[in-house]
Protein backbone atom coordinates (compact mmCIF):
# COMPACT_ATOMS: atom_id res chain seq x y z
CA MET A 1 23.82 -10.56 2.43
CA ALA A 2 20.59 -11.18 0.55
CA ARG A 3 17.35 -10.95 2.40
CA THR A 4 15.55 -14.26 2.57
CA GLY A 5 13.59 -14.91 -0.63
CA GLU A 6 14.61 -11.67 -2.41
CA ASN A 7 17.55 -13.08 -4.42
CA ILE A 8 19.35 -9.72 -4.33
CA TYR A 9 23.08 -9.60 -3.58
CA LYS A 10 25.83 -7.02 -3.29
CA ARG A 11 28.74 -7.95 -5.59
CA LYS A 12 32.42 -7.54 -4.86
CA ASP A 13 32.58 -4.71 -7.42
CA GLY A 14 30.06 -2.72 -5.33
CA ARG A 15 27.07 -3.22 -7.61
CA TRP A 16 23.85 -4.93 -6.56
CA GLU A 17 22.64 -7.94 -8.53
CA ALA A 18 18.99 -9.02 -8.62
CA ARG A 19 17.97 -12.34 -10.21
CA PHE A 20 14.54 -13.45 -11.35
CA ILE A 21 12.95 -16.49 -12.97
CA TYR A 22 11.97 -15.62 -16.53
CA GLN A 23 11.03 -19.11 -17.67
CA VAL A 24 10.49 -22.68 -16.47
CA ASP A 25 11.29 -25.35 -19.08
CA ALA A 26 9.26 -28.47 -19.80
CA GLU A 27 11.25 -30.41 -17.19
CA GLY A 28 10.40 -27.88 -14.50
CA LYS A 29 13.88 -26.32 -14.39
CA SER A 30 13.97 -22.60 -13.72
CA LYS A 31 15.93 -20.23 -15.95
CA TYR A 32 17.24 -17.01 -14.40
CA ARG A 33 18.19 -13.55 -15.63
CA SER A 34 20.10 -10.88 -13.69
CA VAL A 35 19.98 -7.09 -13.55
CA TYR A 36 22.41 -4.73 -11.82
CA GLY A 37 22.01 -1.49 -9.90
CA ILE A 38 23.90 1.01 -7.77
CA SER A 39 21.72 0.17 -4.75
CA ARG A 40 19.47 -2.65 -3.54
CA GLN A 41 16.35 -0.64 -4.38
CA ASP A 42 17.70 0.29 -7.82
CA ALA A 43 18.38 -3.35 -8.67
CA LYS A 44 15.02 -4.45 -7.29
CA GLN A 45 13.12 -1.91 -9.37
CA LYS A 46 15.04 -2.80 -12.52
CA ARG A 47 14.30 -6.48 -11.94
CA THR A 48 10.58 -5.82 -11.54
CA LEU A 49 10.40 -3.76 -14.73
CA LEU A 50 12.44 -6.26 -16.75
CA ALA A 51 10.37 -9.17 -15.43
CA HIS A 52 7.28 -7.28 -16.59
CA GLU A 53 8.78 -6.85 -20.06
CA PHE A 54 9.61 -10.53 -20.25
CA MET A 55 6.04 -11.45 -19.25
CA LEU A 56 4.38 -9.04 -21.70
CA GLY A 57 6.97 -8.64 -24.45
CA SER A 58 7.83 -10.61 -27.54
CA GLN A 59 10.32 -12.73 -25.62
CA VAL A 60 7.41 -14.63 -24.06
CA SER A 61 4.99 -16.71 -26.11
CA THR A 62 1.23 -16.52 -25.66
CA SER A 63 1.48 -19.77 -23.67
CA PRO A 64 4.80 -19.58 -21.80
CA VAL A 65 6.04 -22.58 -19.85
CA ILE A 66 5.85 -21.03 -16.42
CA ILE A 67 4.64 -22.46 -13.13
CA PHE A 68 1.71 -20.51 -11.73
CA LYS A 69 3.44 -19.78 -8.40
CA ASP A 70 6.22 -17.98 -10.34
CA LEU A 71 3.66 -16.09 -12.40
CA ALA A 72 1.98 -15.02 -9.15
CA LYS A 73 5.29 -13.88 -7.66
CA ASN A 74 6.15 -11.79 -10.74
CA TRP A 75 2.65 -10.30 -10.79
CA LEU A 76 2.86 -9.31 -7.11
CA ASN A 77 6.29 -7.71 -7.60
CA ASN A 78 4.96 -5.66 -10.49
CA THR A 79 1.71 -4.76 -8.74
CA LYS A 80 3.56 -3.52 -5.65
CA LEU A 81 4.90 -0.60 -7.72
CA ARG A 82 1.42 0.51 -8.77
CA VAL A 83 -0.95 0.17 -5.81
CA LYS A 84 -1.27 1.37 -2.22
CA GLU A 85 0.33 -0.61 0.57
CA SER A 86 -3.07 -1.67 1.91
CA THR A 87 -4.16 -2.92 -1.52
CA TYR A 88 -0.93 -4.84 -2.00
CA SER A 89 -1.35 -6.40 1.44
CA ARG A 90 -4.86 -7.55 0.53
CA TYR A 91 -3.60 -9.04 -2.74
CA CYS A 92 -0.81 -10.92 -0.93
CA ASN A 93 -3.27 -12.34 1.56
CA GLN A 94 -5.66 -13.58 -1.14
CA VAL A 95 -2.84 -15.05 -3.21
CA GLN A 96 -1.17 -16.88 -0.30
CA LYS A 97 -4.35 -18.02 1.44
CA HIS A 98 -6.59 -19.02 -1.46
CA ILE A 99 -5.00 -18.89 -4.91
CA LEU A 100 -1.57 -20.53 -4.57
CA PRO A 101 -2.79 -23.59 -2.59
CA HIS A 102 -5.08 -24.41 -5.53
CA PHE A 103 -3.08 -23.29 -8.58
CA GLY A 104 0.54 -22.89 -7.44
CA LYS A 105 2.03 -26.19 -8.70
CA TYR A 106 0.44 -26.15 -12.17
CA GLN A 107 1.79 -24.73 -15.42
CA ALA A 108 -0.07 -21.49 -16.02
CA SER A 109 -0.80 -22.38 -19.65
CA LYS A 110 -2.40 -25.71 -18.60
CA ILE A 111 -5.04 -24.16 -16.33
CA SER A 112 -8.49 -24.36 -17.92
CA THR A 113 -11.68 -22.37 -17.53
CA GLU A 114 -13.36 -25.41 -15.97
CA PHE A 115 -10.55 -25.70 -13.41
CA ILE A 116 -11.13 -22.09 -12.34
CA GLU A 117 -14.89 -22.58 -12.27
CA ASN A 118 -14.49 -25.53 -9.89
CA PHE A 119 -12.21 -23.41 -7.71
CA VAL A 120 -14.76 -20.58 -7.58
CA ALA A 121 -17.55 -23.04 -6.76
CA ARG A 122 -15.52 -24.36 -3.81
CA LEU A 123 -14.96 -20.83 -2.50
CA VAL A 124 -18.65 -19.96 -2.42
CA LYS A 125 -19.82 -23.40 -1.24
CA ALA A 126 -20.89 -23.51 2.41
CA LYS A 127 -18.35 -24.83 4.92
CA MET A 128 -20.70 -27.62 6.02
CA ASP A 129 -20.64 -28.90 2.43
CA GLY A 130 -16.85 -28.92 2.20
CA GLY A 131 -16.37 -25.42 0.81
CA LEU A 132 -14.91 -22.24 2.30
CA GLY A 133 -18.15 -20.30 2.48
CA LEU A 134 -16.63 -16.98 1.40
CA SER A 135 -18.85 -14.00 0.59
CA PRO A 136 -19.60 -13.31 -3.09
CA LYS A 137 -17.68 -10.01 -2.83
CA THR A 138 -14.55 -11.78 -1.54
CA VAL A 139 -14.76 -14.45 -4.25
CA GLU A 140 -15.23 -11.77 -6.90
CA ASP A 141 -12.08 -9.98 -5.64
CA ILE A 142 -10.12 -13.26 -5.86
CA LEU A 143 -11.36 -13.86 -9.40
CA ILE A 144 -10.30 -10.35 -10.43
CA ILE A 145 -6.77 -11.11 -9.18
CA ILE A 146 -6.65 -14.36 -11.18
CA LYS A 147 -7.82 -12.60 -14.33
CA SER A 148 -5.19 -9.90 -13.84
CA MET A 149 -2.46 -12.53 -13.42
CA PHE A 150 -3.35 -14.27 -16.67
CA ARG A 151 -3.48 -10.96 -18.54
CA PHE A 152 -0.09 -10.10 -17.07
CA GLY A 153 1.41 -13.43 -18.16
CA LYS A 154 -0.40 -13.61 -21.51
CA CYS A 155 -1.47 -17.14 -20.58
CA HIS A 156 -5.18 -16.57 -20.92
CA ALA A 157 -5.88 -16.97 -24.63
CA HIS A 158 -7.82 -20.19 -24.13
CA LEU A 159 -9.64 -19.12 -20.96
CA GLU A 160 -13.25 -17.96 -21.15
CA LEU A 161 -13.14 -16.16 -17.82
CA THR A 162 -15.89 -13.74 -18.81
CA ARG A 163 -18.40 -16.56 -18.44
CA ILE A 164 -17.59 -16.99 -14.74
CA LYS A 165 -19.99 -14.80 -12.80
CA ILE A 166 -20.39 -14.34 -9.05
CA LYS A 167 -23.94 -14.08 -7.75
CA LYS A 168 -24.19 -10.90 -5.70
CA GLU A 169 -25.75 -10.87 -2.26
CA ASP A 170 -29.00 -8.94 -1.90
CA LYS A 171 -27.66 -7.18 1.13
CA ARG A 172 -29.44 -4.07 2.34
CA PRO A 173 -27.68 -1.66 4.68
CA VAL A 174 -28.75 -1.66 8.31
CA THR A 175 -30.77 1.45 9.09
CA LEU A 176 -31.98 2.89 12.39
CA SER A 177 -35.58 3.69 13.14
CA LYS A 178 -36.55 7.26 14.01
CA ALA A 179 -36.71 6.35 17.70
CA GLU A 180 -33.29 4.69 17.56
CA LYS A 181 -31.78 7.73 15.84
CA THR A 182 -33.20 10.01 18.52
CA ALA A 183 -31.89 7.79 21.33
CA LEU A 184 -28.42 7.60 19.73
CA ASN A 185 -28.27 11.35 19.21
CA GLU A 186 -29.29 12.02 22.82
CA TYR A 187 -26.60 9.65 24.07
CA LEU A 188 -23.91 11.25 21.90
CA LEU A 189 -24.86 14.78 22.98
CA ASN A 190 -24.81 13.89 26.67
CA ASP A 191 -21.36 14.73 28.08
CA THR A 192 -19.80 14.55 24.61
CA ASP A 193 -16.16 13.45 24.47
CA ASN A 194 -13.85 13.08 21.44
CA VAL A 195 -15.09 9.60 20.54
CA LYS A 196 -18.74 10.61 20.72
CA ALA A 197 -17.91 13.70 18.63
CA GLY A 198 -16.34 11.40 16.05
CA VAL A 199 -19.54 9.40 15.75
CA LEU A 200 -21.55 12.62 15.51
CA LEU A 201 -19.26 13.78 12.71
CA SER A 202 -19.79 10.50 10.88
CA THR A 203 -23.58 10.47 11.25
CA HIS A 204 -24.07 14.17 10.46
CA ILE A 205 -21.81 14.66 7.42
CA GLY A 206 -20.98 11.15 6.19
CA VAL A 207 -17.34 10.64 7.18
CA ARG A 208 -16.22 7.00 7.00
CA LEU A 209 -14.90 5.14 10.04
CA GLY A 210 -11.28 4.99 8.80
CA GLU A 211 -11.42 8.65 7.80
CA VAL A 212 -12.58 9.72 11.26
CA CYS A 213 -9.72 7.75 12.84
CA ALA A 214 -7.15 9.45 10.57
CA LEU A 215 -8.32 13.00 11.35
CA ARG A 216 -6.04 15.38 13.23
CA TRP A 217 -7.08 18.73 14.60
CA LYS A 218 -5.15 20.52 11.85
CA ASP A 219 -7.66 19.08 9.36
CA PHE A 220 -10.42 21.21 10.91
CA ASP A 221 -11.12 24.86 10.11
CA LEU A 222 -13.63 25.69 12.82
CA ASP A 223 -13.80 29.35 11.83
CA ALA A 224 -14.98 28.32 8.37
CA GLY A 225 -16.93 25.39 9.78
CA THR A 226 -15.26 22.77 7.55
CA VAL A 227 -13.14 19.62 7.79
CA HIS A 228 -10.68 18.41 5.15
CA ILE A 229 -10.75 14.66 4.39
CA ASP A 230 -7.68 13.29 2.61
CA LYS A 231 -6.59 10.23 4.62
CA THR A 232 -7.93 6.96 5.96
CA MET A 233 -6.66 4.58 8.63
CA GLN A 234 -6.89 0.79 8.51
CA ARG A 235 -5.27 -2.36 9.82
CA ILE A 236 -3.67 -4.45 7.09
CA GLN A 237 -2.09 -7.88 6.97
CA LEU A 238 1.67 -8.08 6.53
CA SER A 239 3.20 -10.10 3.73
CA PRO A 240 5.09 -13.25 4.82
CA GLU A 241 8.41 -11.42 4.27
CA GLU A 242 7.37 -8.49 6.46
CA ALA A 243 5.83 -10.65 9.19
CA ASN A 244 8.91 -12.86 9.52
CA GLY A 245 7.47 -14.78 12.47
CA GLY A 246 6.40 -11.66 14.37
CA LYS A 247 3.29 -9.50 14.14
CA LYS A 248 0.92 -10.40 11.32
CA THR A 249 -0.80 -7.02 10.95
CA LYS A 250 -0.10 -3.30 11.27
CA VAL A 251 -2.08 -0.06 11.25
CA VAL A 252 -1.41 2.30 8.34
CA THR A 253 -2.65 5.75 7.39
CA THR A 254 -2.89 6.24 3.63
CA GLY A 255 -4.65 8.32 1.05
CA PRO A 256 -8.32 7.50 0.39
CA LYS A 257 -9.44 4.85 -2.08
CA SER A 258 -10.06 7.36 -4.87
CA LYS A 259 -9.40 11.02 -5.67
CA ASN A 260 -13.12 11.71 -5.30
CA SER A 261 -12.82 10.79 -1.62
CA ILE A 262 -10.61 13.83 -1.01
CA ARG A 263 -13.08 16.52 -0.02
CA ASP A 264 -13.96 19.45 2.24
CA LEU A 265 -17.18 18.99 4.21
CA ASP A 266 -19.32 21.56 5.98
CA ILE A 267 -19.85 20.98 9.71
CA PRO A 268 -23.24 21.88 11.26
CA SER A 269 -22.97 24.88 13.58
CA SER A 270 -24.27 22.86 16.54
CA LEU A 271 -21.42 20.37 16.09
CA THR A 272 -18.85 23.14 15.54
CA ALA A 273 -19.58 24.47 19.04
CA ILE A 274 -18.84 21.04 20.53
CA LEU A 275 -15.61 20.73 18.54
CA ARG A 276 -14.41 24.14 19.77
CA ARG A 277 -14.72 22.89 23.34
CA LEU A 278 -12.74 19.71 22.59
CA LYS A 279 -10.12 21.24 20.28
CA GLY A 280 -6.54 20.08 20.83
CA ARG A 281 -3.10 20.72 19.35
CA PRO A 282 -2.83 20.69 15.52
CA ASP A 283 -0.89 17.41 15.28
CA ASP A 284 -3.00 15.56 17.85
CA PHE A 285 -5.45 12.97 16.57
CA PHE A 286 -9.05 14.14 16.77
CA LEU A 287 -10.38 10.99 18.49
CA THR A 288 -7.69 10.62 21.15
CA GLY A 289 -6.43 14.14 21.80
CA ASN A 290 -2.82 12.97 21.54
CA THR A 291 -0.29 11.82 18.93
CA ARG A 292 -1.34 8.18 19.17
CA GLY A 293 -4.40 7.45 17.08
CA MET A 294 -7.34 5.10 17.55
CA GLU A 295 -7.74 2.40 14.93
CA PRO A 296 -11.15 1.75 13.30
CA ARG A 297 -11.62 -1.57 15.10
CA SER A 298 -11.37 0.15 18.48
CA LEU A 299 -13.81 2.89 17.48
CA HIS A 300 -16.23 0.25 16.19
CA ASN A 301 -16.03 -1.63 19.50
CA HIS A 302 -17.18 1.48 21.40
CA PHE A 303 -20.58 1.19 19.70
CA LYS A 304 -20.78 -2.52 18.91
CA ILE A 305 -24.29 -3.83 19.25
């Protein structure tokens, strides 16, 4: 049987067939194409690649008659092959929550720059004035997705999206005074446990919250006084297909955001002595001392002001 919404079937001859919408005519009728594979995954991958070719190739005009919701679906299918699970989850959330409710029913080629500008203005407008009151960073991320969709569908020739700018917040990071730093350090060094050691690691050598949560004892070389950072932990939202009426989020451990985030850091000797006392089994998580990790939200709550 096909999974709901996937449009992938196993044929009587043993092959898997995957269908996709490659065009919507002027009357709103969808036109389908099929690809075949030896497995569900094989057919699904072939469909995604062929859909990409149809969207970018000569078979599609610079202003194809395609409904935006179908363009968004094809873009997400293609993007899923190229980005991390956490990034794809964030894209799905932005598309479902903000983009499709505003653009989904329109022909992609009929959407104007002014229409997008009005949409952006509504996103940044304060809730009390009828807007959503989203942060400039969130709105900028949504606009990047929209631009990517139009590039993907070659429907953007008449759009002057470069003129749409998001005013950045003048947001300075919160810093502690010298007295506050001293008080925090004294608290962390008093009867230090794994969680306190994790905060010490973060404050002393600049390890991010998600990176601390993903650390296992095998990532430490206490003889050399170093720790290897190559993972991060975060809670992500599930796509509607994955959620299926159940949990809406899950915790994942993935590679860092960029290759530059993979690094070996030196640990101060004073902190190394504390870590030697706390050291657990290689596969145990550093923060918990067992095989079940602590997610960033829980670590944050330990020191929430």
